[in-house]
Amino acid sequence: YEAYREFFTPDLIEEYSRARHRLGYHYMERNNYDKAMREYTLALAYKRQSPLTAYQMGYLHFARGDYERAEETYVAAKKLYKETLELAKEYNALPEVSRGLKTEIAEVCLHLGVTNERLGKEDKSMDYYSEAIKFNPNLANAYFNRAVLYWRMGDWNSVVRELTQALRID
């Protein structure tokens, strides 16, 4: 996608990427993770700047129990989302576009937190949950997950604060 400078070819390549992504999602919904991964890989081969595709690939790795690969892929997705957010600012996109991207970055951070919990990296999990809240202060699951971490630490005041905030939101 990035190699072409004229108008028509990048549009075609992007449509191929979207089609592969949709097919990957179709397979993912049916728990056919091998075919889904193949289609997502092809979608990214067509157009690297596809954060949603990378995010869903991270989910596939997570669902398979490959938490290290899930973390790598979620980190890549987060980077792609942030690059897309910067492009939205550069091109003066509508505020709704930026809000939507921030919401999606927050979801990726939430998944990174859960993945890091599975990897036994609770400090990193807390950082990712906090980052998720920075991008989307209304993400109740991030507050709930922080409460769980505080529970494990025995920090009861923080548990109450986080659960109260999660309940306010949801």
N, C-alpha and C. Protein backbone atom coordinates (compact mmCIF):
# COMPACT_ATOMS: atom_id res chain seq x y z
N TYR A 1 0.83 -1.20 0.00
CA TYR A 1 0.00 0.00 0.00
C TYR A 1 0.87 1.25 0.00
N GLU A 2 1.86 1.29 0.90
CA GLU A 2 2.67 2.48 1.08
C GLU A 2 3.59 2.75 -0.13
N ALA A 3 3.81 1.76 -0.98
CA ALA A 3 4.76 1.90 -2.09
C ALA A 3 4.19 2.69 -3.28
N TYR A 4 2.88 2.85 -3.33
CA TYR A 4 2.26 3.49 -4.49
C TYR A 4 1.88 4.93 -4.17
N ARG A 5 2.15 5.82 -5.10
CA ARG A 5 1.88 7.24 -4.89
C ARG A 5 0.70 7.75 -5.70
N GLU A 6 0.27 7.01 -6.71
CA GLU A 6 -0.87 7.49 -7.47
C GLU A 6 -2.16 7.10 -6.76
N PHE A 7 -3.27 7.47 -7.30
CA PHE A 7 -4.55 7.37 -6.60
C PHE A 7 -5.18 5.98 -6.62
N PHE A 8 -5.21 5.34 -7.77
CA PHE A 8 -6.04 4.16 -7.97
C PHE A 8 -5.50 2.89 -7.28
N THR A 9 -4.23 2.61 -7.45
CA THR A 9 -3.65 1.36 -6.92
C THR A 9 -3.78 1.26 -5.40
N PRO A 10 -3.43 2.30 -4.63
CA PRO A 10 -3.59 2.17 -3.18
C PRO A 10 -5.03 1.87 -2.76
N ASP A 11 -6.00 2.45 -3.47
CA ASP A 11 -7.40 2.17 -3.14
C ASP A 11 -7.73 0.70 -3.36
N LEU A 12 -7.25 0.14 -4.46
CA LEU A 12 -7.48 -1.28 -4.71
C LEU A 12 -6.81 -2.16 -3.66
N ILE A 13 -5.58 -1.83 -3.33
CA ILE A 13 -4.84 -2.61 -2.33
C ILE A 13 -5.54 -2.53 -0.98
N GLU A 14 -6.02 -1.35 -0.62
CA GLU A 14 -6.73 -1.20 0.64
C GLU A 14 -8.01 -2.04 0.66
N GLU A 15 -8.70 -2.10 -0.45
CA GLU A 15 -9.91 -2.93 -0.52
C GLU A 15 -9.58 -4.42 -0.40
N TYR A 16 -8.48 -4.84 -0.99
CA TYR A 16 -8.04 -6.23 -0.80
C TYR A 16 -7.74 -6.49 0.68
N SER A 17 -7.08 -5.55 1.31
CA SER A 17 -6.76 -5.69 2.73
C SER A 17 -8.04 -5.79 3.56
N ARG A 18 -9.00 -4.94 3.28
CA ARG A 18 -10.29 -4.98 4.01
C ARG A 18 -11.02 -6.30 3.79
N ALA A 19 -10.98 -6.79 2.57
CA ALA A 19 -11.65 -8.06 2.27
C ALA A 19 -10.99 -9.20 3.05
N ARG A 20 -9.66 -9.21 3.08
CA ARG A 20 -8.95 -10.25 3.85
C ARG A 20 -9.27 -10.12 5.33
N HIS A 21 -9.35 -8.89 5.81
CA HIS A 21 -9.69 -8.67 7.21
C HIS A 21 -11.09 -9.22 7.52
N ARG A 22 -12.04 -8.88 6.66
CA ARG A 22 -13.42 -9.36 6.88
C ARG A 22 -13.49 -10.88 6.86
N LEU A 23 -12.75 -11.50 5.96
CA LEU A 23 -12.73 -12.95 5.90
C LEU A 23 -12.08 -13.52 7.17
N GLY A 24 -11.02 -12.88 7.62
CA GLY A 24 -10.39 -13.30 8.88
C GLY A 24 -11.36 -13.22 10.04
N TYR A 25 -12.12 -12.14 10.09
CA TYR A 25 -13.10 -11.99 11.16
C TYR A 25 -14.18 -13.07 11.07
N HIS A 26 -14.60 -13.38 9.86
CA HIS A 26 -15.57 -14.45 9.63
C HIS A 26 -15.05 -15.76 10.22
N TYR A 27 -13.81 -16.09 9.93
CA TYR A 27 -13.22 -17.32 10.47
C TYR A 27 -13.06 -17.25 11.99
N MET A 28 -12.67 -16.08 12.49
CA MET A 28 -12.48 -15.92 13.93
C MET A 28 -13.80 -16.16 14.68
N GLU A 29 -14.88 -15.62 14.14
CA GLU A 29 -16.19 -15.82 14.77
C GLU A 29 -16.57 -17.29 14.84
N ARG A 30 -16.05 -18.07 13.92
CA ARG A 30 -16.35 -19.50 13.87
C ARG A 30 -15.26 -20.34 14.53
N ASN A 31 -14.39 -19.68 15.28
CA ASN A 31 -13.30 -20.33 16.02
C ASN A 31 -12.34 -21.09 15.13
N ASN A 32 -12.25 -20.71 13.87
CA ASN A 32 -11.26 -21.30 12.97
C ASN A 32 -10.06 -20.36 12.96
N TYR A 33 -9.26 -20.46 14.03
CA TYR A 33 -8.19 -19.50 14.26
C TYR A 33 -7.06 -19.61 13.24
N ASP A 34 -6.79 -20.79 12.73
CA ASP A 34 -5.73 -20.92 11.73
C ASP A 34 -6.06 -20.14 10.47
N LYS A 35 -7.28 -20.32 9.97
CA LYS A 35 -7.67 -19.58 8.76
C LYS A 35 -7.79 -18.09 9.04
N ALA A 36 -8.28 -17.74 10.23
CA ALA A 36 -8.38 -16.33 10.59
C ALA A 36 -7.00 -15.69 10.61
N MET A 37 -6.03 -16.37 11.21
CA MET A 37 -4.67 -15.82 11.28
C MET A 37 -4.08 -15.65 9.88
N ARG A 38 -4.33 -16.61 9.01
CA ARG A 38 -3.83 -16.51 7.64
C ARG A 38 -4.40 -15.28 6.95
N GLU A 39 -5.70 -15.06 7.09
CA GLU A 39 -6.34 -13.92 6.43
C GLU A 39 -5.87 -12.59 7.02
N TYR A 40 -5.74 -12.53 8.34
CA TYR A 40 -5.25 -11.31 8.97
C TYR A 40 -3.81 -11.02 8.53
N THR A 41 -3.00 -12.06 8.42
CA THR A 41 -1.62 -11.88 7.97
C THR A 41 -1.59 -11.31 6.56
N LEU A 42 -2.45 -11.84 5.69
CA LEU A 42 -2.54 -11.32 4.33
C LEU A 42 -3.05 -9.88 4.32
N ALA A 43 -4.02 -9.58 5.17
CA ALA A 43 -4.54 -8.21 5.23
C ALA A 43 -3.42 -7.24 5.60
N LEU A 44 -2.59 -7.62 6.56
CA LEU A 44 -1.48 -6.75 6.95
C LEU A 44 -0.39 -6.69 5.88
N ALA A 45 -0.26 -7.78 5.12
CA ALA A 45 0.71 -7.76 4.03
C ALA A 45 0.30 -6.74 2.97
N TYR A 46 -1.00 -6.63 2.73
CA TYR A 46 -1.49 -5.65 1.77
C TYR A 46 -1.34 -4.23 2.30
N LYS A 47 -1.73 -4.05 3.57
CA LYS A 47 -1.67 -2.71 4.16
C LYS A 47 -1.24 -2.83 5.62
N ARG A 48 -0.02 -2.45 5.86
CA ARG A 48 0.57 -2.56 7.20
C ARG A 48 -0.17 -1.70 8.22
N GLN A 49 -0.64 -0.55 7.80
CA GLN A 49 -1.28 0.40 8.71
C GLN A 49 -2.74 0.00 8.96
N SER A 50 -2.94 -1.17 9.55
CA SER A 50 -4.28 -1.68 9.85
C SER A 50 -4.33 -2.09 11.32
N PRO A 51 -4.54 -1.13 12.22
CA PRO A 51 -4.47 -1.45 13.64
C PRO A 51 -5.51 -2.46 14.10
N LEU A 52 -6.70 -2.40 13.54
CA LEU A 52 -7.74 -3.35 13.97
C LEU A 52 -7.34 -4.78 13.63
N THR A 53 -6.72 -4.97 12.48
CA THR A 53 -6.27 -6.30 12.09
C THR A 53 -5.22 -6.80 13.07
N ALA A 54 -4.25 -5.96 13.40
CA ALA A 54 -3.21 -6.35 14.36
C ALA A 54 -3.83 -6.65 15.73
N TYR A 55 -4.79 -5.85 16.14
CA TYR A 55 -5.47 -6.06 17.43
C TYR A 55 -6.17 -7.43 17.45
N GLN A 56 -6.85 -7.77 16.39
CA GLN A 56 -7.55 -9.05 16.35
C GLN A 56 -6.58 -10.22 16.25
N MET A 57 -5.43 -10.00 15.62
CA MET A 57 -4.40 -11.04 15.62
C MET A 57 -3.90 -11.28 17.05
N GLY A 58 -3.77 -10.20 17.81
CA GLY A 58 -3.38 -10.33 19.21
C GLY A 58 -4.38 -11.18 19.97
N TYR A 59 -5.66 -10.95 19.70
CA TYR A 59 -6.70 -11.76 20.34
C TYR A 59 -6.54 -13.24 19.99
N LEU A 60 -6.24 -13.53 18.73
CA LEU A 60 -6.06 -14.93 18.32
C LEU A 60 -4.92 -15.58 19.09
N HIS A 61 -3.81 -14.87 19.22
CA HIS A 61 -2.69 -15.41 20.00
C HIS A 61 -3.11 -15.63 21.45
N PHE A 62 -3.84 -14.66 22.01
CA PHE A 62 -4.31 -14.78 23.39
C PHE A 62 -5.22 -16.00 23.54
N ALA A 63 -6.16 -16.15 22.62
CA ALA A 63 -7.11 -17.26 22.70
C ALA A 63 -6.40 -18.62 22.60
N ARG A 64 -5.30 -18.65 21.92
CA ARG A 64 -4.51 -19.88 21.81
C ARG A 64 -3.60 -20.10 23.02
N GLY A 65 -3.55 -19.13 23.92
CA GLY A 65 -2.70 -19.26 25.10
C GLY A 65 -1.26 -18.84 24.85
N ASP A 66 -0.98 -18.24 23.71
CA ASP A 66 0.37 -17.77 23.39
C ASP A 66 0.46 -16.30 23.83
N TYR A 67 0.64 -16.09 25.13
CA TYR A 67 0.56 -14.76 25.70
C TYR A 67 1.74 -13.87 25.29
N GLU A 68 2.91 -14.47 25.07
CA GLU A 68 4.05 -13.67 24.63
C GLU A 68 3.77 -13.06 23.25
N ARG A 69 3.29 -13.89 22.32
CA ARG A 69 2.96 -13.38 20.98
C ARG A 69 1.79 -12.41 21.05
N ALA A 70 0.83 -12.70 21.92
CA ALA A 70 -0.30 -11.78 22.08
C ALA A 70 0.20 -10.41 22.52
N GLU A 71 1.11 -10.40 23.50
CA GLU A 71 1.64 -9.12 23.97
C GLU A 71 2.36 -8.39 22.83
N GLU A 72 3.21 -9.08 22.10
CA GLU A 72 3.92 -8.46 20.97
C GLU A 72 2.95 -7.86 19.96
N THR A 73 1.92 -8.62 19.65
CA THR A 73 0.98 -8.19 18.62
C THR A 73 0.11 -7.04 19.12
N TYR A 74 -0.31 -7.09 20.38
CA TYR A 74 -1.07 -5.97 20.94
C TYR A 74 -0.22 -4.70 20.99
N VAL A 75 1.06 -4.84 21.33
CA VAL A 75 1.94 -3.67 21.35
C VAL A 75 2.04 -3.07 19.94
N ALA A 76 2.16 -3.93 18.94
CA ALA A 76 2.20 -3.46 17.55
C ALA A 76 0.88 -2.77 17.18
N ALA A 77 -0.24 -3.33 17.61
CA ALA A 77 -1.54 -2.73 17.32
C ALA A 77 -1.65 -1.36 17.98
N LYS A 78 -1.20 -1.28 19.22
CA LYS A 78 -1.24 0.01 19.93
C LYS A 78 -0.42 1.06 19.18
N LYS A 79 0.75 0.67 18.71
CA LYS A 79 1.60 1.59 17.95
C LYS A 79 0.89 2.04 16.67
N LEU A 80 0.25 1.10 15.97
CA LEU A 80 -0.47 1.45 14.74
C LEU A 80 -1.64 2.39 15.04
N TYR A 81 -2.36 2.12 16.12
CA TYR A 81 -3.47 3.01 16.49
C TYR A 81 -2.95 4.42 16.80
N LYS A 82 -1.83 4.49 17.54
CA LYS A 82 -1.29 5.80 17.88
C LYS A 82 -0.83 6.55 16.62
N GLU A 83 -0.23 5.83 15.67
CA GLU A 83 0.15 6.45 14.40
C GLU A 83 -1.08 6.96 13.66
N THR A 84 -2.14 6.18 13.68
CA THR A 84 -3.38 6.58 13.01
C THR A 84 -3.98 7.80 13.70
N LEU A 85 -3.91 7.83 15.03
CA LEU A 85 -4.40 8.99 15.78
C LEU A 85 -3.61 10.24 15.40
N GLU A 86 -2.31 10.10 15.26
CA GLU A 86 -1.48 11.24 14.85
C GLU A 86 -1.86 11.72 13.45
N LEU A 87 -2.12 10.77 12.55
CA LEU A 87 -2.56 11.15 11.20
C LEU A 87 -3.90 11.87 11.26
N ALA A 88 -4.79 11.42 12.12
CA ALA A 88 -6.09 12.07 12.26
C ALA A 88 -5.92 13.52 12.71
N LYS A 89 -4.99 13.73 13.64
CA LYS A 89 -4.71 15.11 14.09
C LYS A 89 -4.10 15.92 12.96
N GLU A 90 -3.14 15.32 12.26
CA GLU A 90 -2.46 16.02 11.17
C GLU A 90 -3.43 16.46 10.08
N TYR A 91 -4.41 15.61 9.78
CA TYR A 91 -5.37 15.91 8.72
C TYR A 91 -6.64 16.57 9.24
N ASN A 92 -6.60 17.00 10.51
CA ASN A 92 -7.75 17.69 11.11
C ASN A 92 -9.04 16.89 10.97
N ALA A 93 -8.97 15.63 11.30
CA ALA A 93 -10.16 14.78 11.23
C ALA A 93 -11.20 15.27 12.24
N LEU A 94 -12.42 14.88 12.02
CA LEU A 94 -13.49 15.23 12.94
C LEU A 94 -13.18 14.72 14.34
N PRO A 95 -13.62 15.42 15.37
CA PRO A 95 -13.36 14.98 16.75
C PRO A 95 -13.84 13.56 17.04
N GLU A 96 -14.92 13.14 16.37
CA GLU A 96 -15.44 11.79 16.58
C GLU A 96 -14.42 10.73 16.14
N VAL A 97 -13.65 11.03 15.12
CA VAL A 97 -12.63 10.09 14.64
C VAL A 97 -11.57 9.90 15.71
N SER A 98 -11.09 11.00 16.27
CA SER A 98 -10.07 10.91 17.33
C SER A 98 -10.62 10.20 18.56
N ARG A 99 -11.84 10.52 18.94
CA ARG A 99 -12.45 9.85 20.10
C ARG A 99 -12.56 8.35 19.86
N GLY A 100 -12.98 7.96 18.65
CA GLY A 100 -13.09 6.55 18.32
C GLY A 100 -11.75 5.84 18.39
N LEU A 101 -10.71 6.49 17.87
CA LEU A 101 -9.37 5.89 17.93
C LEU A 101 -8.88 5.77 19.37
N LYS A 102 -9.14 6.77 20.19
CA LYS A 102 -8.74 6.70 21.60
C LYS A 102 -9.48 5.57 22.31
N THR A 103 -10.73 5.38 21.98
CA THR A 103 -11.50 4.28 22.58
C THR A 103 -10.89 2.94 22.19
N GLU A 104 -10.48 2.81 20.94
CA GLU A 104 -9.87 1.55 20.48
C GLU A 104 -8.49 1.34 21.09
N ILE A 105 -7.71 2.42 21.24
CA ILE A 105 -6.41 2.29 21.91
C ILE A 105 -6.63 1.84 23.35
N ALA A 106 -7.64 2.38 23.99
CA ALA A 106 -7.93 1.98 25.38
C ALA A 106 -8.25 0.49 25.46
N GLU A 107 -9.00 -0.02 24.50
CA GLU A 107 -9.32 -1.46 24.49
C GLU A 107 -8.06 -2.30 24.31
N VAL A 108 -7.16 -1.85 23.45
CA VAL A 108 -5.90 -2.57 23.26
C VAL A 108 -5.11 -2.56 24.56
N CYS A 109 -5.05 -1.41 25.23
CA CYS A 109 -4.33 -1.33 26.51
C CYS A 109 -4.97 -2.25 27.55
N LEU A 110 -6.29 -2.31 27.56
CA LEU A 110 -6.98 -3.22 28.48
C LEU A 110 -6.55 -4.66 28.22
N HIS A 111 -6.52 -5.06 26.95
CA HIS A 111 -6.11 -6.42 26.60
C HIS A 111 -4.63 -6.65 26.92
N LEU A 112 -3.82 -5.62 26.76
CA LEU A 112 -2.42 -5.75 27.16
C LEU A 112 -2.30 -5.97 28.66
N GLY A 113 -3.15 -5.30 29.42
CA GLY A 113 -3.14 -5.51 30.87
C GLY A 113 -3.50 -6.94 31.24
N VAL A 114 -4.54 -7.46 30.64
CA VAL A 114 -4.96 -8.84 30.92
C VAL A 114 -3.86 -9.82 30.49
N THR A 115 -3.29 -9.58 29.33
CA THR A 115 -2.22 -10.45 28.82
C THR A 115 -1.04 -10.45 29.79
N ASN A 116 -0.67 -9.28 30.27
CA ASN A 116 0.45 -9.21 31.20
C ASN A 116 0.13 -9.84 32.54
N GLU A 117 -1.12 -9.80 32.95
CA GLU A 117 -1.50 -10.55 34.16
C GLU A 117 -1.25 -12.04 33.95
N ARG A 118 -1.65 -12.54 32.78
CA ARG A 118 -1.43 -13.96 32.48
C ARG A 118 0.06 -14.30 32.45
N LEU A 119 0.88 -13.32 32.09
CA LEU A 119 2.33 -13.53 32.04
C LEU A 119 2.98 -13.30 33.41
N GLY A 120 2.17 -12.95 34.41
CA GLY A 120 2.70 -12.72 35.75
C GLY A 120 3.38 -11.37 35.92
N LYS A 121 3.08 -10.44 35.03
CA LYS A 121 3.68 -9.10 35.09
C LYS A 121 2.64 -8.10 35.58
N GLU A 122 2.31 -8.17 36.86
CA GLU A 122 1.23 -7.34 37.38
C GLU A 122 1.55 -5.86 37.36
N ASP A 123 2.83 -5.48 37.53
CA ASP A 123 3.19 -4.05 37.46
C ASP A 123 2.89 -3.49 36.08
N LYS A 124 3.26 -4.24 35.05
CA LYS A 124 2.96 -3.80 33.69
C LYS A 124 1.46 -3.78 33.45
N SER A 125 0.75 -4.75 34.02
CA SER A 125 -0.72 -4.77 33.88
C SER A 125 -1.32 -3.48 34.42
N MET A 126 -0.89 -3.09 35.61
CA MET A 126 -1.41 -1.87 36.22
C MET A 126 -1.13 -0.67 35.32
N ASP A 127 0.08 -0.62 34.76
CA ASP A 127 0.42 0.49 33.86
C ASP A 127 -0.50 0.51 32.64
N TYR A 128 -0.77 -0.66 32.07
CA TYR A 128 -1.64 -0.72 30.89
C TYR A 128 -3.07 -0.35 31.23
N TYR A 129 -3.57 -0.80 32.40
CA TYR A 129 -4.92 -0.43 32.79
C TYR A 129 -5.02 1.10 32.99
N SER A 130 -3.99 1.67 33.58
CA SER A 130 -3.97 3.13 33.77
C SER A 130 -3.91 3.85 32.43
N GLU A 131 -3.14 3.32 31.50
CA GLU A 131 -3.07 3.92 30.17
C GLU A 131 -4.42 3.81 29.46
N ALA A 132 -5.11 2.69 29.65
CA ALA A 132 -6.44 2.53 29.06
C ALA A 132 -7.38 3.62 29.58
N ILE A 133 -7.30 3.89 30.88
CA ILE A 133 -8.15 4.91 31.49
C ILE A 133 -7.79 6.29 30.96
N LYS A 134 -6.49 6.52 30.71
CA LYS A 134 -6.07 7.80 30.15
C LYS A 134 -6.73 8.04 28.79
N PHE A 135 -6.80 6.99 27.97
CA PHE A 135 -7.40 7.13 26.65
C PHE A 135 -8.93 7.11 26.70
N ASN A 136 -9.48 6.39 27.67
CA ASN A 136 -10.94 6.32 27.79
C ASN A 136 -11.30 6.26 29.27
N PRO A 137 -11.55 7.41 29.89
CA PRO A 137 -11.86 7.44 31.32
C PRO A 137 -13.17 6.73 31.69
N ASN A 138 -13.93 6.31 30.70
CA ASN A 138 -15.20 5.62 30.97
C ASN A 138 -15.12 4.12 30.73
N LEU A 139 -13.93 3.58 30.76
CA LEU A 139 -13.74 2.14 30.54
C LEU A 139 -13.80 1.42 31.89
N ALA A 140 -15.00 1.00 32.26
CA ALA A 140 -15.24 0.40 33.57
C ALA A 140 -14.37 -0.82 33.81
N ASN A 141 -14.14 -1.63 32.80
CA ASN A 141 -13.33 -2.84 32.98
C ASN A 141 -11.92 -2.53 33.43
N ALA A 142 -11.36 -1.41 33.00
CA ALA A 142 -10.00 -1.05 33.42
C ALA A 142 -9.98 -0.74 34.92
N TYR A 143 -11.00 -0.03 35.42
CA TYR A 143 -11.08 0.24 36.85
C TYR A 143 -11.27 -1.07 37.63
N PHE A 144 -12.14 -1.93 37.12
CA PHE A 144 -12.39 -3.21 37.78
C PHE A 144 -11.10 -4.03 37.84
N ASN A 145 -10.38 -4.10 36.73
CA ASN A 145 -9.15 -4.89 36.71
C ASN A 145 -8.08 -4.31 37.62
N ARG A 146 -8.03 -2.98 37.72
CA ARG A 146 -7.10 -2.38 38.69
C ARG A 146 -7.51 -2.74 40.10
N ALA A 147 -8.82 -2.77 40.36
CA ALA A 147 -9.30 -3.16 41.69
C ALA A 147 -8.84 -4.57 42.05
N VAL A 148 -8.89 -5.46 41.08
CA VAL A 148 -8.44 -6.84 41.32
C VAL A 148 -6.96 -6.85 41.70
N LEU A 149 -6.16 -6.08 41.00
CA LEU A 149 -4.73 -6.01 41.32
C LEU A 149 -4.51 -5.42 42.71
N TYR A 150 -5.24 -4.37 43.03
CA TYR A 150 -5.13 -3.79 44.37
C TYR A 150 -5.58 -4.78 45.44
N TRP A 151 -6.58 -5.56 45.13
CA TRP A 151 -7.07 -6.61 46.06
C TRP A 151 -5.92 -7.57 46.38
N ARG A 152 -5.23 -7.99 45.36
CA ARG A 152 -4.10 -8.91 45.57
C ARG A 152 -3.00 -8.29 46.42
N MET A 153 -2.87 -6.96 46.34
CA MET A 153 -1.85 -6.25 47.12
C MET A 153 -2.34 -5.94 48.54
N GLY A 154 -3.64 -6.13 48.77
CA GLY A 154 -4.20 -5.80 50.08
C GLY A 154 -4.43 -4.31 50.29
N ASP A 155 -4.50 -3.55 49.22
CA ASP A 155 -4.71 -2.10 49.29
C ASP A 155 -6.21 -1.84 49.20
N TRP A 156 -6.89 -1.96 50.35
CA TRP A 156 -8.36 -1.96 50.37
C TRP A 156 -8.96 -0.61 50.00
N ASN A 157 -8.30 0.49 50.39
CA ASN A 157 -8.82 1.82 50.01
C ASN A 157 -8.84 1.97 48.50
N SER A 158 -7.79 1.51 47.85
CA SER A 158 -7.74 1.60 46.38
C SER A 158 -8.77 0.67 45.74
N VAL A 159 -8.99 -0.50 46.36
CA VAL A 159 -10.01 -1.42 45.84
C VAL A 159 -11.37 -0.73 45.84
N VAL A 160 -11.71 -0.12 46.97
CA VAL A 160 -13.01 0.56 47.08
C VAL A 160 -13.11 1.70 46.06
N ARG A 161 -12.05 2.49 45.94
CA ARG A 161 -12.05 3.62 45.00
C ARG A 161 -12.26 3.13 43.56
N GLU A 162 -11.53 2.09 43.16
CA GLU A 162 -11.62 1.60 41.78
C GLU A 162 -12.98 0.96 41.50
N LEU A 163 -13.47 0.17 42.45
CA LEU A 163 -14.78 -0.47 42.24
C LEU A 163 -15.90 0.56 42.24
N THR A 164 -15.79 1.58 43.07
CA THR A 164 -16.78 2.66 43.08
C THR A 164 -16.82 3.36 41.72
N GLN A 165 -15.63 3.62 41.17
CA GLN A 165 -15.57 4.27 39.85
C GLN A 165 -16.14 3.36 38.77
N ALA A 166 -15.83 2.07 38.83
CA ALA A 166 -16.37 1.13 37.84
C ALA A 166 -17.90 1.09 37.92
N LEU A 167 -18.43 1.10 39.13
CA LEU A 167 -19.89 1.10 39.30
C LEU A 167 -20.53 2.40 38.82
N ARG A 168 -19.86 3.53 39.00
CA ARG A 168 -20.38 4.80 38.49
C ARG A 168 -20.53 4.75 36.97
N ILE A 169 -19.55 4.11 36.34
CA ILE A 169 -19.56 4.06 34.88
C ILE A 169 -20.54 3.01 34.38
N ASP A 170 -20.53 1.85 35.03
CA ASP A 170 -21.36 0.72 34.56
C ASP A 170 -21.98 0.03 35.75
